[in-house]
Protein backbone atom coordinates (compact mmCIF):
# COMPACT_ATOMS: atom_id res chain seq x y z
CA MET A 1 5.46 -4.08 -44.30
CA SER A 2 4.20 -0.85 -42.81
CA ASN A 3 0.74 -2.29 -42.36
CA ARG A 4 2.13 -5.21 -40.36
CA ILE A 5 4.00 -2.82 -38.08
CA MET A 6 0.87 -0.75 -37.55
CA LEU A 7 -1.15 -3.88 -36.74
CA SER A 8 1.45 -5.05 -34.31
CA CYS A 9 1.52 -1.70 -32.51
CA LEU A 10 -2.21 -1.66 -32.27
CA PHE A 11 -2.24 -5.17 -30.84
CA LEU A 12 0.38 -4.24 -28.21
CA TRP A 13 -1.50 -1.04 -27.29
CA LEU A 14 -4.81 -3.02 -26.76
CA TYR A 15 -2.96 -5.67 -24.81
CA SER A 16 -1.40 -3.09 -22.50
CA ILE A 17 -4.81 -1.44 -21.90
CA ALA A 18 -6.36 -4.89 -21.07
CA GLY A 19 -3.46 -5.70 -18.71
CA PHE A 20 -3.76 -2.33 -16.97
CA GLY A 21 -7.50 -2.93 -16.44
CA GLN A 22 -6.82 -6.29 -14.96
CA ASP A 23 -4.29 -4.86 -12.45
CA ARG A 24 -6.93 -2.47 -10.98
CA GLN A 25 -9.07 -4.39 -8.51
CA PRO A 26 -12.68 -3.28 -7.95
CA LEU A 27 -13.49 -3.32 -4.20
CA SER A 28 -16.81 -2.59 -2.54
CA LEU A 29 -17.01 -0.61 0.67
CA PRO A 30 -17.68 -3.73 2.88
CA GLN A 31 -14.65 -5.44 1.28
CA MET A 32 -12.51 -2.46 2.21
CA TRP A 33 -13.71 -2.61 5.82
CA GLU A 34 -12.64 -6.22 6.04
CA GLN A 35 -9.29 -5.51 4.51
CA ALA A 36 -8.73 -2.60 6.80
CA TYR A 37 -9.54 -4.80 9.84
CA ASN A 38 -6.85 -7.16 8.66
CA ASN A 39 -4.21 -4.64 7.62
CA TYR A 40 -4.49 -1.47 9.66
CA PRO A 41 -2.13 -1.74 12.63
CA SER A 42 -4.27 0.18 15.23
CA LEU A 43 -6.70 -2.75 15.51
CA GLU A 44 -3.77 -5.21 16.23
CA ALA A 45 -2.72 -2.89 19.10
CA TYR A 46 -6.12 -3.17 20.73
CA GLN A 47 -6.26 -6.95 20.13
CA SER A 48 -2.87 -7.11 21.94
CA GLN A 49 -4.47 -5.30 24.87
CA LEU A 50 -7.18 -7.90 24.94
CA ARG A 51 -4.68 -10.70 25.05
CA GLN A 52 -2.85 -8.91 27.88
CA ALA A 53 -6.07 -8.63 29.83
CA PHE A 54 -6.57 -12.44 29.55
CA TYR A 55 -3.00 -13.04 30.80
CA GLN A 56 -3.52 -10.63 33.66
CA LYS A 57 -6.68 -12.52 34.74
CA LYS A 58 -4.75 -15.80 34.68
CA LEU A 59 -1.99 -14.25 36.78
CA ILE A 60 -4.55 -13.01 39.33
CA GLN A 61 -6.13 -16.46 39.57
CA ASN A 62 -2.70 -18.10 39.99
CA LYS A 63 -1.89 -15.59 42.78
CA TYR A 64 -4.49 -17.13 45.01
CA LEU A 65 -3.34 -20.73 44.49
CA PRO A 66 -1.14 -22.32 47.24
CA GLN A 67 2.34 -20.81 47.15
CA VAL A 68 5.06 -23.47 47.44
CA LEU A 69 8.66 -22.57 48.29
CA LEU A 70 11.58 -25.01 47.80
CA GLN A 71 14.93 -24.63 49.46
CA ALA A 72 18.00 -26.87 49.32
CA GLN A 73 21.60 -26.32 50.41
CA ASN A 74 24.76 -28.34 50.94
CA THR A 75 27.45 -26.40 52.82
CA VAL A 76 30.73 -26.76 54.60
CA GLY A 77 31.49 -24.55 57.60
CA THR A 78 32.46 -24.35 61.22
CA ASN A 79 30.44 -26.26 63.74
CA GLN A 80 29.59 -24.01 66.71
CA SER A 81 26.68 -25.46 68.58
CA VAL A 82 23.35 -23.59 68.30
CA GLY A 83 20.22 -24.84 70.02
CA GLY A 84 16.71 -24.70 68.56
CA ALA A 85 15.03 -25.68 65.38
CA PHE A 86 13.04 -23.78 62.76
CA PHE A 87 12.03 -23.69 59.13
CA PRO A 88 14.31 -21.25 57.35
CA LEU A 89 13.04 -18.62 54.97
CA PRO A 90 14.75 -17.96 51.60
CA GLY A 91 17.95 -16.11 52.24
CA ILE A 92 18.46 -17.36 55.78
CA TYR A 93 21.79 -19.13 56.36
CA ASN A 94 21.28 -22.16 58.57
CA ILE A 95 23.79 -24.42 60.35
CA GLY A 96 23.36 -26.97 63.16
CA GLY A 97 25.61 -27.94 66.06
CA SER A 98 26.96 -31.20 67.41
CA GLU A 99 28.91 -32.30 70.47
CA VAL A 100 31.16 -34.52 68.32
CA GLY A 101 34.40 -33.13 66.93
CA ILE A 102 36.04 -29.73 67.30
CA PRO A 103 33.65 -26.79 66.69
CA SER A 104 36.19 -24.75 64.84
CA ASP A 105 36.85 -27.58 62.34
CA PRO A 106 34.76 -27.55 59.19
CA SER A 107 31.67 -29.79 59.05
CA ALA A 108 29.17 -30.46 56.28
CA ASN A 109 25.38 -29.77 56.32
CA THR A 110 22.72 -30.88 53.87
CA PHE A 111 19.37 -29.31 54.15
CA GLY A 112 16.14 -29.37 52.04
CA SER A 113 12.66 -28.02 52.77
CA VAL A 114 9.32 -27.50 51.05
CA ILE A 115 6.92 -24.90 52.54
CA MET A 116 3.33 -24.23 51.46
CA ASP A 117 1.34 -21.10 52.19
CA TRP A 118 -2.30 -21.15 51.07
CA LYS A 119 -4.44 -18.14 51.81
CA PHE A 120 -7.74 -20.05 51.78
CA MET A 121 -9.90 -17.33 53.35
CA GLN A 122 -9.60 -13.70 52.13
CA PHE A 123 -13.20 -12.46 52.64
CA GLY A 124 -14.01 -11.74 48.92
CA LYS A 125 -10.64 -10.31 47.85
CA GLN A 126 -10.07 -13.07 45.30
CA LYS A 127 -13.56 -12.87 43.94
CA LYS A 128 -13.46 -9.09 43.54
CA SER A 129 -10.05 -9.28 41.90
CA VAL A 130 -11.25 -11.75 39.37
CA GLU A 131 -14.34 -9.64 38.68
CA ALA A 132 -12.17 -6.62 38.07
CA SER A 133 -9.98 -8.60 35.61
CA ASN A 134 -13.16 -9.77 33.78
CA ILE A 135 -14.19 -6.12 33.44
CA ARG A 136 -10.75 -5.34 32.05
CA ILE A 137 -11.31 -8.01 29.41
CA SER A 138 -14.75 -6.55 28.60
CA GLN A 139 -13.14 -3.09 28.36
CA ALA A 140 -10.51 -4.34 25.98
CA THR A 141 -13.19 -6.01 23.83
CA SER A 142 -15.22 -2.80 23.81
CA LEU A 143 -12.10 -0.85 22.70
CA ILE A 144 -11.70 -3.23 19.78
CA GLU A 145 -15.30 -2.56 18.72
CA VAL A 146 -14.71 1.19 19.19
CA GLU A 147 -11.65 1.04 16.96
CA LYS A 148 -13.59 -0.99 14.33
CA LEU A 149 -16.27 1.67 14.32
CA ALA A 150 -13.67 4.41 13.96
CA ILE A 151 -12.07 2.54 11.06
CA GLN A 152 -15.53 2.09 9.42
CA THR A 153 -16.32 5.75 9.89
CA GLU A 154 -12.99 7.21 8.58
CA LEU A 155 -12.64 4.64 5.78
CA SER A 156 -16.22 5.38 4.69
CA ARG A 157 -15.49 9.07 4.67
CA ASN A 158 -12.35 8.54 2.56
CA TYR A 159 -14.34 6.20 0.26
CA ILE A 160 -17.09 8.76 -0.36
CA GLU A 161 -14.51 11.43 -0.79
CA ALA A 162 -12.70 9.35 -3.41
CA LEU A 163 -16.00 8.79 -5.29
CA TYR A 164 -16.65 12.50 -5.09
CA HIS A 165 -13.25 13.37 -6.53
CA LEU A 166 -13.81 10.76 -9.28
CA GLN A 167 -17.07 12.47 -10.20
CA MET A 168 -15.42 15.88 -10.20
CA VAL A 169 -12.78 14.58 -12.58
CA ARG A 170 -15.51 13.31 -14.90
CA TRP A 171 -17.27 16.71 -14.49
CA ALA A 172 -14.07 18.56 -15.41
CA GLU A 173 -13.54 16.26 -18.38
CA ALA A 174 -17.10 16.75 -19.59
CA SER A 175 -16.76 20.47 -19.26
CA GLN A 176 -13.51 20.42 -21.22
CA LEU A 177 -15.05 18.31 -24.01
CA ARG A 178 -18.02 20.63 -24.23
CA LEU A 179 -15.75 23.69 -24.46
CA GLN A 180 -13.55 21.86 -26.99
CA SER A 181 -16.64 21.27 -29.14
CA LEU A 182 -17.60 24.95 -28.90
CA PHE A 183 -14.04 25.97 -29.79
CA ASN A 184 -14.11 23.74 -32.87
CA ALA A 185 -17.54 25.16 -33.88
CA ALA A 186 -16.40 28.77 -33.25
CA ARG A 187 -13.24 28.31 -35.29
CA SER A 188 -15.18 26.75 -38.14
CA MET A 189 -17.67 29.65 -38.10
CA ALA A 190 -14.83 32.19 -37.97
CA ASP A 191 -13.19 30.51 -40.94
CA ALA A 192 -16.52 30.74 -42.78
CA GLY A 193 -16.88 34.41 -41.79
CA ILE A 194 -20.07 33.79 -39.84
CA SER A 195 -18.62 34.92 -36.45
CA PRO A 196 -15.58 37.01 -35.45
CA GLY A 197 -12.30 35.31 -34.78
CA ALA A 198 -12.29 36.68 -31.22
CA ASP A 199 -14.99 34.11 -30.33
CA SER A 200 -12.48 31.22 -30.60
CA LEU A 201 -9.96 33.16 -28.49
CA LEU A 202 -12.56 33.67 -25.77
CA ILE A 203 -13.52 29.96 -25.81
CA LYS A 204 -9.78 29.04 -25.78
CA ALA A 205 -9.25 30.97 -22.55
CA SER A 206 -12.20 29.11 -20.96
CA LEU A 207 -10.73 25.86 -22.32
CA GLN A 208 -7.38 26.54 -20.55
CA GLU A 209 -9.20 27.32 -17.36
CA ALA A 210 -11.04 24.02 -17.65
CA ALA A 211 -7.77 22.16 -18.17
CA ALA A 212 -6.33 23.69 -15.01
CA SER A 213 -9.45 22.66 -13.06
CA LEU A 214 -9.15 19.13 -14.43
CA ASN A 215 -5.58 18.81 -13.28
CA ASN A 216 -6.58 20.04 -9.83
CA TRP A 217 -9.29 17.43 -9.44
CA ARG A 218 -7.06 14.67 -10.75
CA GLY A 219 -4.59 15.49 -8.05
CA GLN A 220 -7.23 15.40 -5.33
CA LYS A 221 -8.48 12.09 -6.76
CA GLU A 222 -4.96 10.60 -6.53
CA GLU A 223 -4.68 11.94 -2.94
CA SER A 224 -7.89 10.19 -1.92
CA GLU A 225 -6.71 6.97 -3.57
CA VAL A 226 -3.51 7.12 -1.51
CA LEU A 227 -5.60 7.33 1.69
CA LEU A 228 -7.66 4.35 0.67
CA GLY A 229 -4.58 2.39 -0.08
CA MET A 230 -3.20 3.24 3.39
CA TRP A 231 -6.35 1.73 4.99
CA ILE A 232 -6.47 -1.52 3.02
CA GLY A 233 -2.74 -2.07 2.34
CA MET A 234 -2.91 -1.76 -1.46
CA ALA A 235 -1.09 0.38 -3.98
CA PRO A 236 -3.26 3.34 -5.08
CA ASP A 237 -2.84 2.33 -8.75
CA HIS A 238 -4.54 -1.00 -8.06
CA ILE A 239 -7.72 0.42 -6.60
CA ALA A 240 -10.66 0.72 -9.05
CA LEU A 241 -13.68 2.89 -8.11
CA GLU A 242 -15.18 3.46 -11.56
CA HIS A 243 -17.80 0.73 -10.98
CA THR A 244 -19.28 2.46 -7.91
CA PRO A 245 -21.95 5.15 -8.54
CA LEU A 246 -22.12 8.16 -6.21
CA LEU A 247 -25.00 9.91 -7.73
CA GLN A 248 -27.72 7.76 -6.15
CA LYS A 249 -29.80 7.55 -3.01
CA ALA A 250 -30.56 4.55 -0.84
CA ASP A 251 -34.28 4.74 -1.64
CA GLY A 252 -34.71 0.96 -1.63
CA PHE A 253 -33.39 0.63 1.92
CA VAL A 254 -35.93 1.58 4.57
CA LYS A 255 -34.36 2.50 7.93
CA GLU A 256 -36.40 3.97 10.69
CA SER A 257 -34.99 6.54 13.17
CA ALA A 258 -33.99 4.96 16.43
CA PRO A 259 -32.59 6.29 19.72
CA VAL A 260 -28.93 5.84 20.59
CA ASN A 261 -28.48 2.14 21.46
CA ALA A 262 -26.94 1.21 24.81
CA SER A 263 -24.91 -1.43 22.93
CA HIS A 264 -23.05 1.28 21.08
CA PRO A 265 -19.37 0.42 21.50
CA LEU A 266 -18.56 3.81 23.12
CA LEU A 267 -21.41 3.55 25.59
CA ALA A 268 -20.51 -0.09 26.31
CA PHE A 269 -16.94 1.05 27.09
CA ARG A 270 -18.18 3.81 29.38
CA GLN A 271 -20.38 1.31 31.27
CA ASP A 272 -17.40 -0.97 31.70
CA GLU A 273 -15.47 1.95 33.17
CA ILE A 274 -18.34 2.50 35.73
CA GLN A 275 -18.40 -1.18 36.64
CA TYR A 276 -14.66 -1.26 37.12
CA ALA A 277 -14.73 1.78 39.37
CA GLU A 278 -17.51 0.18 41.48
CA THR A 279 -15.56 -3.13 41.71
CA ALA A 280 -12.45 -1.29 42.71
CA LYS A 281 -14.39 0.40 45.50
CA GLN A 282 -15.70 -2.95 46.68
CA LEU A 283 -12.21 -4.41 46.56
CA ALA A 284 -10.95 -1.57 48.68
CA ASN A 285 -13.61 -2.29 51.30
CA VAL A 286 -12.54 -5.84 51.69
CA SER A 287 -8.83 -5.19 51.48
CA VAL A 288 -8.76 -4.06 55.14
CA LEU A 289 -9.98 -7.51 56.28
CA PRO A 290 -7.50 -10.19 57.44
CA SER A 291 -6.37 -13.18 55.48
CA PHE A 292 -6.13 -16.71 56.89
CA SER A 293 -3.58 -19.15 55.62
CA LEU A 294 -2.98 -22.90 55.78
CA LEU A 295 0.77 -23.44 56.46
CA ALA A 296 2.60 -26.72 55.91
CA GLY A 297 6.14 -27.86 55.40
CA VAL A 298 8.54 -30.85 55.34
CA GLN A 299 12.22 -30.87 55.74
CA THR A 300 15.20 -33.25 55.65
CA ARG A 301 18.41 -32.49 57.42
CA ILE A 302 21.83 -34.23 57.59
CA HIS A 303 24.87 -33.13 59.57
CA SER A 304 28.35 -34.53 59.19
CA PRO A 305 30.72 -33.65 62.03
CA ALA A 306 34.29 -32.58 61.44
CA LEU A 307 35.93 -36.03 61.58
CA GLY A 308 38.66 -37.34 59.26
CA ASN A 309 39.45 -36.03 55.88
CA PRO A 310 37.19 -32.90 55.12
CA VAL A 311 36.42 -34.05 51.62
CA LEU A 312 36.48 -37.83 51.55
CA GLU A 313 34.72 -38.36 54.86
CA THR A 314 33.08 -35.10 56.09
CA TRP A 315 31.45 -34.13 52.80
CA SER A 316 30.46 -37.68 51.73
CA ASN A 317 28.89 -38.31 55.15
CA SER A 318 26.56 -35.32 54.71
CA TYR A 319 24.31 -37.45 52.49
CA ARG A 320 23.75 -40.27 55.07
CA ALA A 321 21.38 -40.79 57.95
CA PRO A 322 18.90 -37.96 57.25
CA VAL A 323 16.55 -36.53 59.87
CA ASN A 324 13.05 -35.59 58.65
CA ASN A 325 10.42 -33.28 60.10
CA TYR A 326 7.07 -31.85 59.08
CA LEU A 327 5.03 -28.77 60.17
CA VAL A 328 1.34 -28.04 59.76
CA GLY A 329 -0.65 -25.09 61.07
CA LEU A 330 -2.81 -22.00 60.51
CA GLY A 331 -1.78 -18.38 60.18
CA THR A 332 -3.31 -15.00 59.69
CA SER A 333 -2.09 -11.72 58.36
CA TRP A 334 -3.78 -8.37 58.89
CA ASN A 335 -2.71 -4.94 57.76
CA ILE A 336 -3.78 -2.84 60.66
CA ASN A 337 -2.55 0.37 59.08
CA GLY A 338 -5.17 -0.12 56.25
CA PHE A 339 -7.93 1.11 58.59
CA PHE A 340 -6.40 4.59 58.78
CA ASP A 341 -6.53 5.06 54.95
CA HIS A 342 -9.79 3.10 54.37
CA LYS A 343 -12.08 6.07 54.41
CA LEU A 344 -9.88 8.18 52.15
CA ASN A 345 -9.55 5.32 49.70
CA LYS A 346 -13.31 4.69 49.73
CA ASN A 347 -14.05 8.38 49.03
CA ARG A 348 -11.51 8.36 46.16
CA HIS A 349 -13.13 5.39 44.48
CA GLN A 350 -16.57 6.97 44.97
CA GLU A 351 -15.44 10.18 43.19
CA GLU A 352 -14.05 7.97 40.36
CA ILE A 353 -17.50 6.36 39.95
CA VAL A 354 -19.06 9.86 39.71
CA GLN A 355 -16.48 10.86 37.11
CA ARG A 356 -17.10 7.72 34.97
CA GLN A 357 -20.89 8.19 35.23
CA ALA A 358 -20.54 11.86 34.05
CA GLU A 359 -18.32 10.79 31.13
CA ALA A 360 -20.86 8.11 30.10
CA GLU A 361 -23.67 10.70 30.13
CA GLU A 362 -21.57 13.13 28.11
CA THR A 363 -20.84 10.44 25.56
CA SER A 364 -24.51 9.55 25.30
CA LEU A 365 -25.48 13.23 24.76
CA ASN A 366 -22.78 13.70 22.07
CA LEU A 367 -24.00 10.61 20.19
CA LEU A 368 -27.61 11.69 20.45
CA SER A 369 -26.83 15.17 19.16
CA GLN A 370 -24.76 13.71 16.33
CA GLN A 371 -27.61 11.51 15.33
CA GLN A 372 -30.23 14.31 15.42
CA ILE A 373 -27.94 16.65 13.45
CA ALA A 374 -27.36 14.01 10.81
CA GLU A 375 -31.11 13.20 10.51
CA ARG A 376 -31.99 16.85 10.02
CA GLN A 377 -29.26 17.40 7.52
CA LEU A 378 -30.34 14.35 5.60
CA ALA A 379 -33.94 15.58 5.50
CA GLN A 380 -32.73 18.88 3.98
CA GLY A 381 -30.14 17.11 1.82
CA GLU A 382 -32.87 15.08 0.08
CA HIS A 383 -34.66 18.32 -0.83
CA GLN A 384 -31.31 19.74 -2.00
CA ILE A 385 -30.78 16.79 -4.28
CA GLU A 386 -34.27 17.19 -5.83
CA ASN A 387 -33.65 20.88 -6.48
CA ALA A 388 -30.16 20.25 -7.87
CA GLU A 389 -31.58 17.55 -10.25
CA GLU A 390 -34.30 19.86 -11.52
CA ALA A 391 -31.77 22.76 -11.96
CA HIS A 392 -29.43 20.48 -13.89
CA LYS A 393 -32.14 19.28 -16.20
CA SER A 394 -33.26 22.85 -16.99
CA ALA A 395 -29.67 24.02 -17.49
CA ALA A 396 -28.83 21.12 -19.82
CA GLU A 397 -31.95 21.77 -21.94
CA ALA A 398 -31.19 25.47 -21.99
CA PHE A 399 -27.59 24.84 -23.17
CA ARG A 400 -28.78 22.56 -25.90
CA LEU A 401 -31.19 25.26 -27.18
CA PHE A 402 -28.69 28.06 -26.93
CA GLU A 403 -26.00 26.01 -28.63
CA SER A 404 -28.33 25.48 -31.58
CA ARG A 405 -29.04 29.25 -31.74
CA TYR A 406 -25.34 30.01 -31.63
CA ASN A 407 -24.63 27.60 -34.49
CA SER A 408 -27.38 29.36 -36.40
CA GLY A 409 -25.74 32.71 -35.73
CA LEU A 410 -28.63 34.09 -33.60
CA ILE A 411 -26.70 34.75 -30.34
CA SER A 412 -23.12 35.65 -29.46
CA ILE A 413 -20.51 33.42 -27.93
CA THR A 414 -20.64 35.42 -24.71
CA GLU A 415 -24.31 34.47 -24.19
CA LEU A 416 -23.53 30.77 -24.89
CA LEU A 417 -20.55 30.81 -22.50
CA GLN A 418 -22.83 32.25 -19.79
CA ILE A 419 -25.26 29.26 -20.24
CA GLN A 420 -22.26 26.93 -20.29
CA ASP A 421 -21.14 28.42 -17.03
CA ILE A 422 -24.60 27.95 -15.50
CA LEU A 423 -24.65 24.29 -16.72
CA GLN A 424 -21.24 23.69 -15.13
CA ARG A 425 -22.37 25.15 -11.85
CA THR A 426 -25.59 23.09 -11.71
CA GLU A 427 -23.62 19.98 -12.55
CA LYS A 428 -21.16 20.74 -9.76
CA THR A 429 -23.92 21.54 -7.25
CA ARG A 430 -25.65 18.27 -8.11
CA ILE A 431 -22.45 16.24 -7.47
CA LYS A 432 -21.85 18.17 -4.25
CA ALA A 433 -25.44 17.50 -3.02
CA TYR A 434 -24.96 13.75 -3.33
CA TYR A 435 -21.55 13.97 -1.73
CA GLN A 436 -22.93 15.79 1.30
CA TYR A 437 -25.89 13.33 1.43
CA TRP A 438 -23.54 10.30 1.79
CA MET A 439 -21.25 12.13 4.23
CA GLN A 440 -24.30 12.71 6.42
CA GLN A 441 -25.26 9.06 6.11
CA VAL A 442 -21.78 8.20 7.39
CA ASP A 443 -22.28 10.54 10.42
CA LEU A 444 -25.68 8.93 11.13
CA ALA A 445 -24.22 5.42 10.85
CA SER A 446 -21.40 6.30 13.23
CA ALA A 447 -23.79 7.72 15.82
CA GLN A 448 -25.98 4.61 15.67
CA ALA A 449 -23.11 2.14 15.17
CA ASP A 450 -25.10 0.74 12.26
CA PHE A 451 -23.54 0.78 8.74
CA SER A 452 -26.12 -1.51 7.17
CA LEU A 453 -27.40 1.20 4.84
CA LEU A 454 -23.88 1.98 3.53
CA GLN A 455 -23.22 -1.68 3.12
CA TYR A 456 -26.44 -2.05 1.12
CA ALA A 457 -25.64 0.98 -1.10
CA PHE A 458 -22.04 0.27 -1.89
CA GLU A 459 -21.82 -3.48 -1.76
């Protein structure tokens, strides 16, 4: 009976491990980029700005279409005679007179009109306004690319950092296992009388220190997984990084150094700002010119004099025997006061152009310096990795030899722990060298707006 219970418990334990492994989803770095594009809210905000820019362009285009005003009214009021005729504007109260009936008695009026105002000649105002709206659309598109680049950069940093913390957890676990092995050996030798019992106490102190270090790195690993989950919209416990190696270089991917590309999203955005400032200046130049309009209108008008019953006859007669008219003509509007501010407005836009050009030059210099710094750090980082690899190999071989000598009773535990400490430091330096190497690759990719190497390495 006890054997059956033990087998059942073992089966449930293995099943739970298998289920836990299935819950953790291995994701490559490019897959995380795509999930971040779909889940992180900042990108949706910039996409909303792009949609707003399209709507604004449509509104500007509609603004220059013929404007049509419709007015209709049916009123009852006194009938004082007023001479003249005109097309009323919205908000104007209009009545008409008649010689029939008593002026002070109420009469009914029905009136309807449709007026069109089409500014068909504006000397380039419409064209420049549409050009400015197109630049706004281009700016919004560039901002989306800038935000995508920022997401790629920050997510890649968090991804490399998570891999680094994972490696440091493994490093701490390996150190603890190594010390545990030394502790077991020292205790056995002490029991056999080969070495003093203080040796095991000394190793035990180092073992407790290694356990504290392991807990610290596990906490940092969990923190980095939380950050990754924030980007991609997943629970940290469902993210698996164990399949991704950090201790490698992208030797199979050849990428030549290139100058900062003008198509970099930040530089493209700066160029859009310059173009918008130039278009705004051109729009200000033509804004002082007049506009010519085509005016047209039709109206229908009915008047019912104050005769008989006000409701049954006067009001009902206001829908009979209409009088129709039309009006066609040309008009012009010209803001003369605009000439007084034209020069100041022109100078203001010119200074804005100078500002945008300076900002674009500053951005270009920053990207160039970022690229050059990353390239120089990578060159030194590769030498650092080579030195770290050699140091780690030498320390591992030395520890193996000294451990054999300790087990033979030829050296003390203090000497072996010194070699163990050197091995730990070389392992840590090796991991840190690869971590810095990939962080510098992220800096270079961000400066060049080209993440193809990282995509190749962590796909």
